């Protein structure tokens, strides 16, 4: 199975996980598939680039709740790696820059790994704000 074949399972598995719910039962994570690369133009004369260099496979947001109705949303990117997949230099650079701007960029190898890392991030942010 190719890594790209797993993205739908990751999105559903993360976004519907019971540990990642808000007080009202709604989902705390919203993710969608992002594409990076190039496509040949319709007339074949040039390549059209799309996405951002280093961008993760899945992008969206993570809502963190202090109390019902008291919420913040943090940008979230999830890079899926299978087998011997390695993070590229561009992904490492984006991960560092993303973190400096307050975003969360995770590299995961399974849905359980993603949920675990996200719940850790929630606890870290709640502690940062004294929640």
N, C-alpha and C. Protein backbone atom coordinates (compact mmCIF):
# COMPACT_ATOMS: atom_id res chain seq x y z
N UNK A 1 0.84 -1.18 0.00
CA UNK A 1 0.00 0.00 0.00
C UNK A 1 0.88 1.24 0.00
N UNK A 2 0.53 2.19 -0.84
CA UNK A 2 1.28 3.44 -0.90
C UNK A 2 0.85 4.36 0.24
N UNK A 3 1.77 5.22 0.64
CA UNK A 3 1.48 6.18 1.70
C UNK A 3 0.24 7.01 1.37
N UNK A 4 0.13 7.46 0.12
CA UNK A 4 -1.00 8.29 -0.27
C UNK A 4 -2.33 7.56 -0.13
N UNK A 5 -2.32 6.24 -0.18
CA UNK A 5 -3.55 5.46 -0.02
C UNK A 5 -4.07 5.48 1.41
N UNK A 6 -3.25 5.92 2.35
CA UNK A 6 -3.64 5.91 3.77
C UNK A 6 -4.20 7.24 4.26
N UNK A 7 -4.09 8.30 3.47
CA UNK A 7 -4.46 9.63 3.95
C UNK A 7 -5.92 9.73 4.39
N UNK A 8 -6.82 9.13 3.64
CA UNK A 8 -8.23 9.15 4.04
C UNK A 8 -8.46 8.48 5.38
N UNK A 9 -7.78 7.35 5.60
CA UNK A 9 -7.88 6.67 6.90
C UNK A 9 -7.34 7.53 8.02
N UNK A 10 -6.23 8.23 7.77
CA UNK A 10 -5.66 9.12 8.78
C UNK A 10 -6.64 10.25 9.12
N UNK A 11 -7.20 10.87 8.10
CA UNK A 11 -8.13 11.98 8.34
C UNK A 11 -9.31 11.52 9.18
N UNK A 12 -9.93 10.42 8.79
CA UNK A 12 -11.09 9.91 9.53
C UNK A 12 -10.67 9.46 10.93
N UNK A 13 -9.58 8.70 11.03
CA UNK A 13 -9.13 8.17 12.31
C UNK A 13 -8.76 9.24 13.33
N UNK A 14 -8.16 10.32 12.86
CA UNK A 14 -7.76 11.41 13.75
C UNK A 14 -8.97 12.29 14.08
N UNK A 15 -9.67 12.74 13.05
CA UNK A 15 -10.76 13.71 13.26
C UNK A 15 -11.94 13.14 14.04
N UNK A 16 -12.12 11.83 14.03
CA UNK A 16 -13.26 11.24 14.74
C UNK A 16 -12.84 10.52 16.03
N UNK A 17 -11.57 10.62 16.38
CA UNK A 17 -11.10 9.90 17.57
C UNK A 17 -11.77 10.46 18.83
N UNK A 18 -12.26 9.60 19.72
CA UNK A 18 -12.97 10.08 20.92
C UNK A 18 -12.10 10.91 21.87
N UNK A 19 -10.79 10.73 21.84
CA UNK A 19 -9.92 11.54 22.70
C UNK A 19 -9.78 12.97 22.19
N UNK A 20 -10.16 13.19 20.95
CA UNK A 20 -9.98 14.49 20.33
C UNK A 20 -11.34 15.16 20.09
N UNK A 21 -12.10 15.27 21.18
CA UNK A 21 -13.42 15.88 21.15
C UNK A 21 -13.46 17.07 22.09
N UNK A 22 -14.30 18.04 21.75
CA UNK A 22 -14.52 19.20 22.60
C UNK A 22 -15.64 18.89 23.60
N UNK A 23 -15.85 19.81 24.54
CA UNK A 23 -16.87 19.57 25.57
C UNK A 23 -18.25 19.28 24.98
N UNK A 24 -18.57 19.92 23.85
CA UNK A 24 -19.89 19.71 23.25
C UNK A 24 -19.95 18.47 22.34
N UNK A 25 -18.85 17.71 22.28
CA UNK A 25 -18.81 16.49 21.49
C UNK A 25 -18.34 16.67 20.05
N UNK A 26 -18.16 17.93 19.64
CA UNK A 26 -17.70 18.17 18.27
C UNK A 26 -16.21 17.86 18.16
N UNK A 27 -15.75 17.70 16.93
CA UNK A 27 -14.35 17.34 16.72
C UNK A 27 -13.43 18.52 16.99
N UNK A 28 -12.28 18.21 17.59
CA UNK A 28 -11.28 19.23 17.89
C UNK A 28 -10.28 19.40 16.76
N UNK A 29 -10.22 18.41 15.87
CA UNK A 29 -9.24 18.43 14.78
C UNK A 29 -9.97 18.46 13.44
N UNK A 30 -9.49 19.32 12.57
CA UNK A 30 -9.98 19.38 11.20
C UNK A 30 -8.77 19.25 10.29
N UNK A 31 -8.77 18.24 9.42
CA UNK A 31 -7.65 18.02 8.50
C UNK A 31 -8.16 17.81 7.09
N UNK A 32 -7.34 18.20 6.14
CA UNK A 32 -7.62 17.90 4.75
C UNK A 32 -6.33 17.61 4.02
N UNK A 33 -6.44 16.88 2.94
CA UNK A 33 -5.28 16.49 2.14
C UNK A 33 -4.74 17.71 1.40
N UNK A 34 -3.43 17.86 1.42
CA UNK A 34 -2.75 18.93 0.68
C UNK A 34 -1.82 18.30 -0.33
N UNK A 35 -1.66 18.98 -1.42
CA UNK A 35 -0.81 18.49 -2.49
C UNK A 35 0.35 19.44 -2.72
N UNK A 36 1.52 18.88 -2.94
CA UNK A 36 2.71 19.66 -3.27
C UNK A 36 3.32 19.03 -4.51
N UNK A 37 3.70 19.85 -5.44
CA UNK A 37 4.34 19.31 -6.64
C UNK A 37 4.10 20.20 -7.83
N UNK A 38 4.07 19.57 -8.99
CA UNK A 38 3.87 20.30 -10.24
C UNK A 38 3.03 19.47 -11.18
N UNK A 39 2.29 20.16 -12.02
CA UNK A 39 1.44 19.53 -13.01
C UNK A 39 1.69 20.22 -14.35
N UNK A 40 1.71 19.47 -15.39
CA UNK A 40 1.88 20.03 -16.73
C UNK A 40 0.65 20.85 -17.09
N UNK A 41 0.87 22.04 -17.64
CA UNK A 41 -0.24 22.91 -18.04
C UNK A 41 -1.09 22.23 -19.11
N UNK A 42 -2.31 22.70 -19.27
CA UNK A 42 -3.24 22.06 -20.21
C UNK A 42 -2.71 22.03 -21.64
N UNK A 43 -1.90 23.02 -22.02
CA UNK A 43 -1.35 23.03 -23.38
C UNK A 43 0.04 22.40 -23.46
N UNK A 44 0.55 21.93 -22.31
CA UNK A 44 1.85 21.25 -22.28
C UNK A 44 3.06 22.16 -22.40
N UNK A 45 2.83 23.46 -22.26
CA UNK A 45 3.94 24.40 -22.47
C UNK A 45 4.79 24.65 -21.22
N UNK A 46 4.25 24.40 -20.03
CA UNK A 46 5.01 24.67 -18.81
C UNK A 46 4.41 23.90 -17.63
N UNK A 47 5.17 23.89 -16.55
CA UNK A 47 4.73 23.21 -15.33
C UNK A 47 4.07 24.23 -14.40
N UNK A 48 3.00 23.81 -13.77
CA UNK A 48 2.29 24.62 -12.78
C UNK A 48 2.60 24.05 -11.41
N UNK A 49 3.18 24.86 -10.54
CA UNK A 49 3.52 24.42 -9.20
C UNK A 49 2.33 24.64 -8.27
N UNK A 50 2.15 23.73 -7.32
CA UNK A 50 1.08 23.88 -6.34
C UNK A 50 1.58 23.43 -4.98
N UNK A 51 0.97 24.00 -3.95
CA UNK A 51 1.40 23.69 -2.58
C UNK A 51 2.61 24.50 -2.20
N UNK A 52 3.08 24.27 -0.99
CA UNK A 52 4.25 24.96 -0.45
C UNK A 52 5.34 23.94 -0.16
N UNK A 53 6.56 24.30 -0.44
CA UNK A 53 7.69 23.40 -0.19
C UNK A 53 7.73 23.00 1.28
N UNK A 54 7.84 21.70 1.53
CA UNK A 54 7.93 21.19 2.90
C UNK A 54 6.60 20.98 3.58
N UNK A 55 5.53 21.40 2.92
CA UNK A 55 4.20 21.27 3.50
C UNK A 55 3.88 19.80 3.81
N UNK A 56 3.20 19.58 4.92
CA UNK A 56 2.83 18.22 5.31
C UNK A 56 1.69 17.69 4.44
N UNK A 57 1.46 16.40 4.54
CA UNK A 57 0.42 15.73 3.75
C UNK A 57 -0.98 16.18 4.13
N UNK A 58 -1.20 16.38 5.43
CA UNK A 58 -2.52 16.75 5.96
C UNK A 58 -2.41 18.06 6.70
N UNK A 59 -3.29 19.00 6.40
CA UNK A 59 -3.22 20.33 7.01
C UNK A 59 -4.60 20.73 7.53
N UNK A 60 -4.60 21.52 8.59
CA UNK A 60 -5.87 22.00 9.14
C UNK A 60 -5.64 22.72 10.44
N UNK A 61 -6.50 22.41 11.41
CA UNK A 61 -6.42 23.10 12.69
C UNK A 61 -6.77 22.19 13.85
N UNK A 62 -6.32 22.61 15.02
CA UNK A 62 -6.59 21.93 16.28
C UNK A 62 -7.21 22.95 17.22
N UNK A 63 -8.44 22.68 17.65
CA UNK A 63 -9.13 23.55 18.60
C UNK A 63 -8.83 23.04 20.00
N UNK A 64 -8.37 23.96 20.85
CA UNK A 64 -8.05 23.62 22.24
C UNK A 64 -8.98 24.43 23.12
N UNK A 65 -9.60 23.73 24.05
CA UNK A 65 -10.66 24.31 24.85
C UNK A 65 -10.24 24.41 26.31
N UNK A 66 -10.47 25.57 26.90
CA UNK A 66 -10.24 25.72 28.33
C UNK A 66 -11.51 25.31 29.08
N UNK A 67 -12.58 25.95 28.72
CA UNK A 67 -13.91 25.67 29.24
C UNK A 67 -14.85 25.67 28.05
N UNK A 68 -16.07 25.16 28.22
CA UNK A 68 -17.00 25.25 27.09
C UNK A 68 -17.12 26.70 26.62
N UNK A 69 -16.87 26.91 25.36
CA UNK A 69 -16.96 28.26 24.79
C UNK A 69 -15.67 29.06 24.81
N UNK A 70 -14.68 28.64 25.59
CA UNK A 70 -13.38 29.32 25.62
C UNK A 70 -12.39 28.48 24.84
N UNK A 71 -12.14 28.89 23.59
CA UNK A 71 -11.35 28.08 22.68
C UNK A 71 -10.33 28.91 21.93
N UNK A 72 -9.26 28.24 21.55
CA UNK A 72 -8.31 28.79 20.59
C UNK A 72 -8.09 27.72 19.52
N UNK A 73 -7.70 28.16 18.34
CA UNK A 73 -7.37 27.20 17.29
C UNK A 73 -5.93 27.42 16.87
N UNK A 74 -5.22 26.32 16.73
CA UNK A 74 -3.81 26.32 16.35
C UNK A 74 -3.70 25.60 15.01
N UNK A 75 -2.89 26.14 14.12
CA UNK A 75 -2.66 25.46 12.84
C UNK A 75 -1.96 24.13 13.08
N UNK A 76 -2.35 23.13 12.33
CA UNK A 76 -1.83 21.78 12.50
C UNK A 76 -1.49 21.19 11.14
N UNK A 77 -0.30 20.63 11.03
CA UNK A 77 0.09 19.87 9.84
C UNK A 77 0.59 18.51 10.30
N UNK A 78 0.18 17.47 9.56
CA UNK A 78 0.55 16.10 9.88
C UNK A 78 1.22 15.48 8.66
N UNK A 79 2.48 15.11 8.83
CA UNK A 79 3.25 14.44 7.78
C UNK A 79 3.25 12.95 8.08
N UNK A 80 2.71 12.17 7.16
CA UNK A 80 2.61 10.72 7.32
C UNK A 80 3.86 10.07 6.72
N UNK A 81 4.47 9.19 7.50
CA UNK A 81 5.62 8.43 7.01
C UNK A 81 5.35 6.95 7.23
N UNK A 82 5.61 6.18 6.20
CA UNK A 82 5.45 4.73 6.29
C UNK A 82 6.79 4.07 5.98
N UNK A 83 6.95 2.85 6.46
CA UNK A 83 8.16 2.09 6.16
C UNK A 83 9.42 2.86 6.51
N UNK A 84 10.28 3.02 5.53
CA UNK A 84 11.55 3.71 5.74
C UNK A 84 11.49 5.18 5.33
N UNK A 85 10.29 5.74 5.26
CA UNK A 85 10.14 7.14 4.88
C UNK A 85 10.90 8.07 5.81
N UNK A 86 11.53 9.06 5.23
CA UNK A 86 12.31 10.02 6.01
C UNK A 86 11.83 11.44 5.74
N UNK A 87 12.00 12.29 6.72
CA UNK A 87 11.64 13.70 6.59
C UNK A 87 12.70 14.39 5.74
N UNK A 88 12.25 15.16 4.76
CA UNK A 88 13.19 15.88 3.89
C UNK A 88 13.73 17.12 4.59
N UNK A 89 14.78 17.69 4.05
CA UNK A 89 15.35 18.93 4.60
C UNK A 89 14.32 20.06 4.55
N UNK A 90 13.54 20.09 3.48
CA UNK A 90 12.51 21.13 3.35
C UNK A 90 11.42 20.96 4.41
N UNK A 91 11.07 19.70 4.70
CA UNK A 91 10.07 19.45 5.73
C UNK A 91 10.60 19.82 7.11
N UNK A 92 11.86 19.51 7.38
CA UNK A 92 12.46 19.90 8.67
C UNK A 92 12.47 21.41 8.82
N UNK A 93 12.81 22.12 7.75
CA UNK A 93 12.84 23.58 7.80
C UNK A 93 11.44 24.13 8.06
N UNK A 94 10.45 23.58 7.37
CA UNK A 94 9.08 24.04 7.57
C UNK A 94 8.61 23.71 8.99
N UNK A 95 8.95 22.53 9.46
CA UNK A 95 8.56 22.13 10.82
C UNK A 95 9.10 23.12 11.85
N UNK A 96 10.36 23.49 11.71
CA UNK A 96 10.97 24.45 12.64
C UNK A 96 10.30 25.82 12.52
N UNK A 97 10.11 26.30 11.31
CA UNK A 97 9.50 27.61 11.11
C UNK A 97 8.05 27.62 11.60
N UNK A 98 7.33 26.56 11.33
CA UNK A 98 5.94 26.41 11.76
C UNK A 98 5.86 26.50 13.28
N UNK A 99 6.75 25.79 13.97
CA UNK A 99 6.78 25.82 15.43
C UNK A 99 7.10 27.19 15.98
N UNK A 100 8.01 27.90 15.33
CA UNK A 100 8.34 29.26 15.79
C UNK A 100 7.15 30.21 15.68
N UNK A 101 6.25 29.94 14.76
CA UNK A 101 5.06 30.78 14.57
C UNK A 101 3.87 30.28 15.40
N UNK A 102 4.09 29.25 16.22
CA UNK A 102 3.03 28.77 17.09
C UNK A 102 2.20 27.63 16.53
N UNK A 103 2.58 27.12 15.35
CA UNK A 103 1.85 26.00 14.76
C UNK A 103 2.41 24.67 15.24
N UNK A 104 1.71 23.61 14.89
CA UNK A 104 2.11 22.25 15.26
C UNK A 104 2.33 21.47 13.96
N UNK A 105 3.52 20.92 13.79
CA UNK A 105 3.86 20.11 12.62
C UNK A 105 4.33 18.77 13.16
N UNK A 106 3.55 17.74 12.92
CA UNK A 106 3.85 16.42 13.44
C UNK A 106 4.28 15.48 12.32
N UNK A 107 5.20 14.61 12.64
CA UNK A 107 5.59 13.51 11.75
C UNK A 107 5.13 12.24 12.44
N UNK A 108 4.25 11.48 11.78
CA UNK A 108 3.63 10.32 12.41
C UNK A 108 3.78 9.07 11.55
N UNK A 109 3.70 7.92 12.20
CA UNK A 109 3.82 6.65 11.48
C UNK A 109 2.56 5.80 11.61
N UNK A 110 1.56 6.28 12.36
CA UNK A 110 0.29 5.56 12.50
C UNK A 110 -0.76 6.53 13.04
N UNK A 111 -2.01 6.12 12.94
CA UNK A 111 -3.08 6.94 13.49
C UNK A 111 -2.93 7.06 15.00
N UNK A 112 -2.61 5.96 15.67
CA UNK A 112 -2.41 6.00 17.13
C UNK A 112 -1.28 6.95 17.50
N UNK A 113 -0.21 6.94 16.72
CA UNK A 113 0.92 7.84 16.94
C UNK A 113 0.45 9.29 16.80
N UNK A 114 -0.34 9.56 15.78
CA UNK A 114 -0.85 10.92 15.56
C UNK A 114 -1.71 11.38 16.73
N UNK A 115 -2.65 10.52 17.17
CA UNK A 115 -3.53 10.88 18.28
C UNK A 115 -2.71 11.12 19.55
N UNK A 116 -1.73 10.28 19.80
CA UNK A 116 -0.87 10.44 20.98
C UNK A 116 -0.11 11.77 20.93
N UNK A 117 0.47 12.08 19.78
CA UNK A 117 1.22 13.34 19.66
C UNK A 117 0.30 14.56 19.78
N UNK A 118 -0.89 14.47 19.21
CA UNK A 118 -1.84 15.59 19.31
C UNK A 118 -2.28 15.79 20.75
N UNK A 119 -2.61 14.72 21.47
CA UNK A 119 -3.02 14.88 22.87
C UNK A 119 -1.89 15.45 23.71
N UNK A 120 -0.65 15.08 23.41
CA UNK A 120 0.50 15.67 24.11
C UNK A 120 0.57 17.17 23.83
N UNK A 121 0.37 17.55 22.59
CA UNK A 121 0.39 18.97 22.22
C UNK A 121 -0.72 19.74 22.93
N UNK A 122 -1.90 19.15 23.04
CA UNK A 122 -3.01 19.79 23.75
C UNK A 122 -2.61 20.05 25.19
N UNK A 123 -2.06 19.04 25.86
CA UNK A 123 -1.64 19.20 27.26
C UNK A 123 -0.56 20.27 27.40
N UNK A 124 0.39 20.29 26.46
CA UNK A 124 1.47 21.29 26.51
C UNK A 124 0.92 22.70 26.36
N UNK A 125 -0.01 22.88 25.44
CA UNK A 125 -0.59 24.22 25.23
C UNK A 125 -1.45 24.63 26.41
N UNK A 126 -2.21 23.70 26.96
CA UNK A 126 -3.01 24.02 28.14
C UNK A 126 -2.12 24.43 29.31
N UNK A 127 -0.99 23.73 29.48
CA UNK A 127 -0.05 24.08 30.55
C UNK A 127 0.58 25.45 30.30
N UNK A 128 0.90 25.74 29.04
CA UNK A 128 1.50 27.02 28.68
C UNK A 128 0.59 28.18 29.08
N UNK A 129 -0.72 28.01 28.88
CA UNK A 129 -1.69 29.05 29.22
C UNK A 129 -2.22 28.94 30.66
N UNK A 130 -1.74 27.95 31.40
CA UNK A 130 -2.21 27.77 32.77
C UNK A 130 -3.63 27.25 32.85
N UNK A 131 -4.04 26.47 31.85
CA UNK A 131 -5.38 25.90 31.82
C UNK A 131 -5.35 24.56 32.49
